[in-house]
C-alpha cells in the first residue's frame, strides 16, 4: 500500500480529511470511521509533526493499517484499500498536533 502523495503528505492528508468530512452520514461513513478511528488512535504515539511524517513513510505502519481494516471488515475487501482512509487518520492527528502547539490567546 503506497501513500497517496509521499512528496507532499500533508496536502494529501488535508485533501483526504476534507473528503471524509464531506461524506454523508450513512453506512459507508460508519464503516470508514471504524477503520479510521483505530488508525488515528495509533498515531497518538507521534509526539510531533516530524514523527508523524516518519510514521507515514514507514512500511510497517501501512501494514498495521491494512491489518486494522482486515480485522474490522474481514468480508469487505473493498474497504481494505487504505490510501485515503489512512490519510484521513493522519490528517486528524496533524490537526490535533497543530491545535496543541498553537499559542494560547
C-alpha atoms as a PDB file:
ATOM      1  CA  UNK A   1       0.000   0.000   0.000  1.00  0.00           C
ATOM      2  CA  UNK A   2       1.532   3.259  -1.087  1.00  0.00           C
ATOM      3  CA  UNK A   3       0.843   6.618   0.435  1.00  0.00           C
ATOM      4  CA  UNK A   4      -1.219   8.787  -1.830  1.00  0.00           C
ATOM      5  CA  UNK A   5       1.391  11.539  -2.114  1.00  0.00           C
ATOM      6  CA  UNK A   6       4.734  10.927  -0.444  1.00  0.00           C
ATOM      7  CA  UNK A   7       6.183  14.154  -1.897  1.00  0.00           C
ATOM      8  CA  UNK A   8       3.656  16.299  -0.029  1.00  0.00           C
ATOM      9  CA  UNK A   9       1.932  14.125   2.562  1.00  0.00           C
ATOM     10  CA  UNK A  10       0.352  16.986   4.496  1.00  0.00           C
ATOM     11  CA  UNK A  11      -1.531  18.131   1.386  1.00  0.00           C
ATOM     12  CA  UNK A  12      -2.729  14.562   0.811  1.00  0.00           C
ATOM     13  CA  UNK A  13      -3.814  14.299   4.448  1.00  0.00           C
ATOM     14  CA  UNK A  14      -5.773  17.546   4.180  1.00  0.00           C
ATOM     15  CA  UNK A  15      -7.495  16.506   0.941  1.00  0.00           C
ATOM     16  CA  UNK A  16      -8.437  13.141   2.460  1.00  0.00           C
ATOM     17  CA  UNK A  17      -9.751  14.777   5.609  1.00  0.00           C
ATOM     18  CA  UNK A  18     -11.889  17.186   3.581  1.00  0.00           C
ATOM     19  CA  UNK A  19     -13.192  14.250   1.500  1.00  0.00           C
ATOM     20  CA  UNK A  20     -14.124  12.354   4.666  1.00  0.00           C
ATOM     21  CA  UNK A  21     -15.807  15.343   6.297  1.00  0.00           C
ATOM     22  CA  UNK A  22     -17.914  15.830   3.158  1.00  0.00           C
ATOM     23  CA  UNK A  23     -19.163  12.224   3.194  1.00  0.00           C
ATOM     24  CA  UNK A  24     -22.839  11.949   4.052  1.00  0.00           C
ATOM     25  CA  UNK A  25     -23.609  10.145   7.283  1.00  0.00           C
ATOM     26  CA  UNK A  26     -24.569   6.599   6.440  1.00  0.00           C
ATOM     27  CA  UNK A  27     -23.271   3.065   6.319  1.00  0.00           C
ATOM     28  CA  UNK A  28     -20.195   3.970   4.268  1.00  0.00           C
ATOM     29  CA  UNK A  29     -19.094   6.691   6.681  1.00  0.00           C
ATOM     30  CA  UNK A  30     -19.673   4.380   9.649  1.00  0.00           C
ATOM     31  CA  UNK A  31     -17.509   1.704   8.008  1.00  0.00           C
ATOM     32  CA  UNK A  32     -14.776   4.208   7.225  1.00  0.00           C
ATOM     33  CA  UNK A  33     -14.891   5.580  10.766  1.00  0.00           C
ATOM     34  CA  UNK A  34     -14.466   2.062  12.166  1.00  0.00           C
ATOM     35  CA  UNK A  35     -11.171   1.855  10.289  1.00  0.00           C
ATOM     36  CA  UNK A  36     -10.022   5.452  10.726  1.00  0.00           C
ATOM     37  CA  UNK A  37     -10.573   5.629  14.494  1.00  0.00           C
ATOM     38  CA  UNK A  38      -8.068   2.899  15.496  1.00  0.00           C
ATOM     39  CA  UNK A  39      -5.564   4.208  12.963  1.00  0.00           C
ATOM     40  CA  UNK A  40      -5.892   7.693  14.411  1.00  0.00           C
ATOM     41  CA  UNK A  41      -5.532   6.352  17.972  1.00  0.00           C
ATOM     42  CA  UNK A  42      -2.328   4.560  16.996  1.00  0.00           C
ATOM     43  CA  UNK A  43      -0.930   7.844  15.661  1.00  0.00           C
ATOM     44  CA  UNK A  44      -1.028   9.390  19.108  1.00  0.00           C
ATOM     45  CA  UNK A  45       2.388   7.796  19.571  1.00  0.00           C
ATOM     46  CA  UNK A  46       3.708  10.535  17.262  1.00  0.00           C
ATOM     47  CA  UNK A  47       4.518  13.459  19.569  1.00  0.00           C
ATOM     48  CA  UNK A  48       5.127  15.969  16.778  1.00  0.00           C
ATOM     49  CA  UNK A  49       4.697  16.576  13.057  1.00  0.00           C
ATOM     50  CA  UNK A  50       8.129  15.198  12.149  1.00  0.00           C
ATOM     51  CA  UNK A  51       7.387  11.943  13.975  1.00  0.00           C
ATOM     52  CA  UNK A  52       4.078  11.780  12.118  1.00  0.00           C
ATOM     53  CA  UNK A  53       5.898  12.138   8.786  1.00  0.00           C
ATOM     54  CA  UNK A  54       8.331   9.400   9.794  1.00  0.00           C
ATOM     55  CA  UNK A  55       5.488   7.025  10.642  1.00  0.00           C
ATOM     56  CA  UNK A  56       3.769   7.744   7.331  1.00  0.00           C
ATOM     57  CA  UNK A  57       6.846   6.749   5.384  1.00  0.00           C
ATOM     58  CA  UNK A  58       7.320   3.552   7.417  1.00  0.00           C
ATOM     59  CA  UNK A  59       6.034   0.481   5.519  1.00  0.00           C
ATOM     60  CA  UNK A  60       5.305  -1.217   8.849  1.00  0.00           C
ATOM     61  CA  UNK A  61       2.728   1.480   9.644  1.00  0.00           C
ATOM     62  CA  UNK A  62       0.990   0.830   6.335  1.00  0.00           C
ATOM     63  CA  UNK A  63       0.918  -2.892   7.165  1.00  0.00           C
ATOM     64  CA  UNK A  64      -0.711  -2.150  10.526  1.00  0.00           C
ATOM     65  CA  UNK A  65      -3.317  -0.035   8.745  1.00  0.00           C
ATOM     66  CA  UNK A  66      -4.129  -2.921   6.419  1.00  0.00           C
ATOM     67  CA  UNK A  67      -4.419  -5.345   9.345  1.00  0.00           C
ATOM     68  CA  UNK A  68      -6.772  -2.928  11.106  1.00  0.00           C
ATOM     69  CA  UNK A  69      -9.078  -2.819   8.094  1.00  0.00           C
ATOM     70  CA  UNK A  70      -8.957  -6.578   7.627  1.00  0.00           C
ATOM     71  CA  UNK A  71      -9.820  -7.132  11.269  1.00  0.00           C
ATOM     72  CA  UNK A  72     -12.683  -4.625  11.244  1.00  0.00           C
ATOM     73  CA  UNK A  73     -14.203  -5.871   7.968  1.00  0.00           C
ATOM     74  CA  UNK A  74     -12.812  -9.316   7.070  1.00  0.00           C
ATOM     75  CA  UNK A  75     -15.503  -9.917   4.444  1.00  0.00           C
ATOM     76  CA  UNK A  76     -15.401  -6.454   2.827  1.00  0.00           C
ATOM     77  CA  UNK A  77     -12.212  -6.392   0.794  1.00  0.00           C
ATOM     78  CA  UNK A  78     -13.282  -3.148  -0.893  1.00  0.00           C
ATOM     79  CA  UNK A  79     -12.593  -1.416   2.452  1.00  0.00           C
ATOM     80  CA  UNK A  80      -9.002  -2.624   2.521  1.00  0.00           C
ATOM     81  CA  UNK A  81      -7.736  -0.009   0.050  1.00  0.00           C
ATOM     82  CA  UNK A  82      -6.479   2.412   2.644  1.00  0.00           C
ATOM     83  CA  UNK A  83      -4.701   5.081   0.682  1.00  0.00           C
ATOM     84  CA  UNK A  84      -7.425   7.589   1.524  1.00  0.00           C
ATOM     85  CA  UNK A  85      -8.657   6.327   4.906  1.00  0.00           C
ATOM     86  CA  UNK A  86      -5.100   6.147   6.215  1.00  0.00           C
ATOM     87  CA  UNK A  87      -4.565   9.731   5.038  1.00  0.00           C
ATOM     88  CA  UNK A  88      -7.720  10.787   6.910  1.00  0.00           C
ATOM     89  CA  UNK A  89      -6.294   9.392  10.157  1.00  0.00           C
ATOM     90  CA  UNK A  90      -3.042  11.255   9.548  1.00  0.00           C
ATOM     91  CA  UNK A  91      -4.966  14.428   8.759  1.00  0.00           C
ATOM     92  CA  UNK A  92      -6.846  14.156  12.039  1.00  0.00           C
ATOM     93  CA  UNK A  93      -3.618  13.676  14.002  1.00  0.00           C
ATOM     94  CA  UNK A  94      -1.905  16.539  12.162  1.00  0.00           C
ATOM     95  CA  UNK A  95      -4.800  18.857  13.006  1.00  0.00           C
ATOM     96  CA  UNK A  96      -4.588  17.778  16.645  1.00  0.00           C
ATOM     97  CA  UNK A  97      -0.832  18.368  16.806  1.00  0.00           C
ATOM     98  CA  UNK A  98      -1.223  21.811  15.271  1.00  0.00           C
ATOM     99  CA  UNK A  99      -4.028  22.708  17.675  1.00  0.00           C
ATOM    100  CA  UNK A 100      -1.945  21.569  20.632  1.00  0.00           C
ATOM    101  CA  UNK A 101       1.082  23.575  19.521  1.00  0.00           C
ATOM    102  CA  UNK A 102      -0.843  26.757  18.675  1.00  0.00           C
ATOM    103  CA  UNK A 103      -0.078  29.635  21.041  1.00  0.00           C
ATOM    104  CA  UNK A 104      -2.805  30.363  23.557  1.00  0.00           C
ATOM    105  CA  UNK A 105      -4.556  33.678  23.290  1.00  0.00           C
END
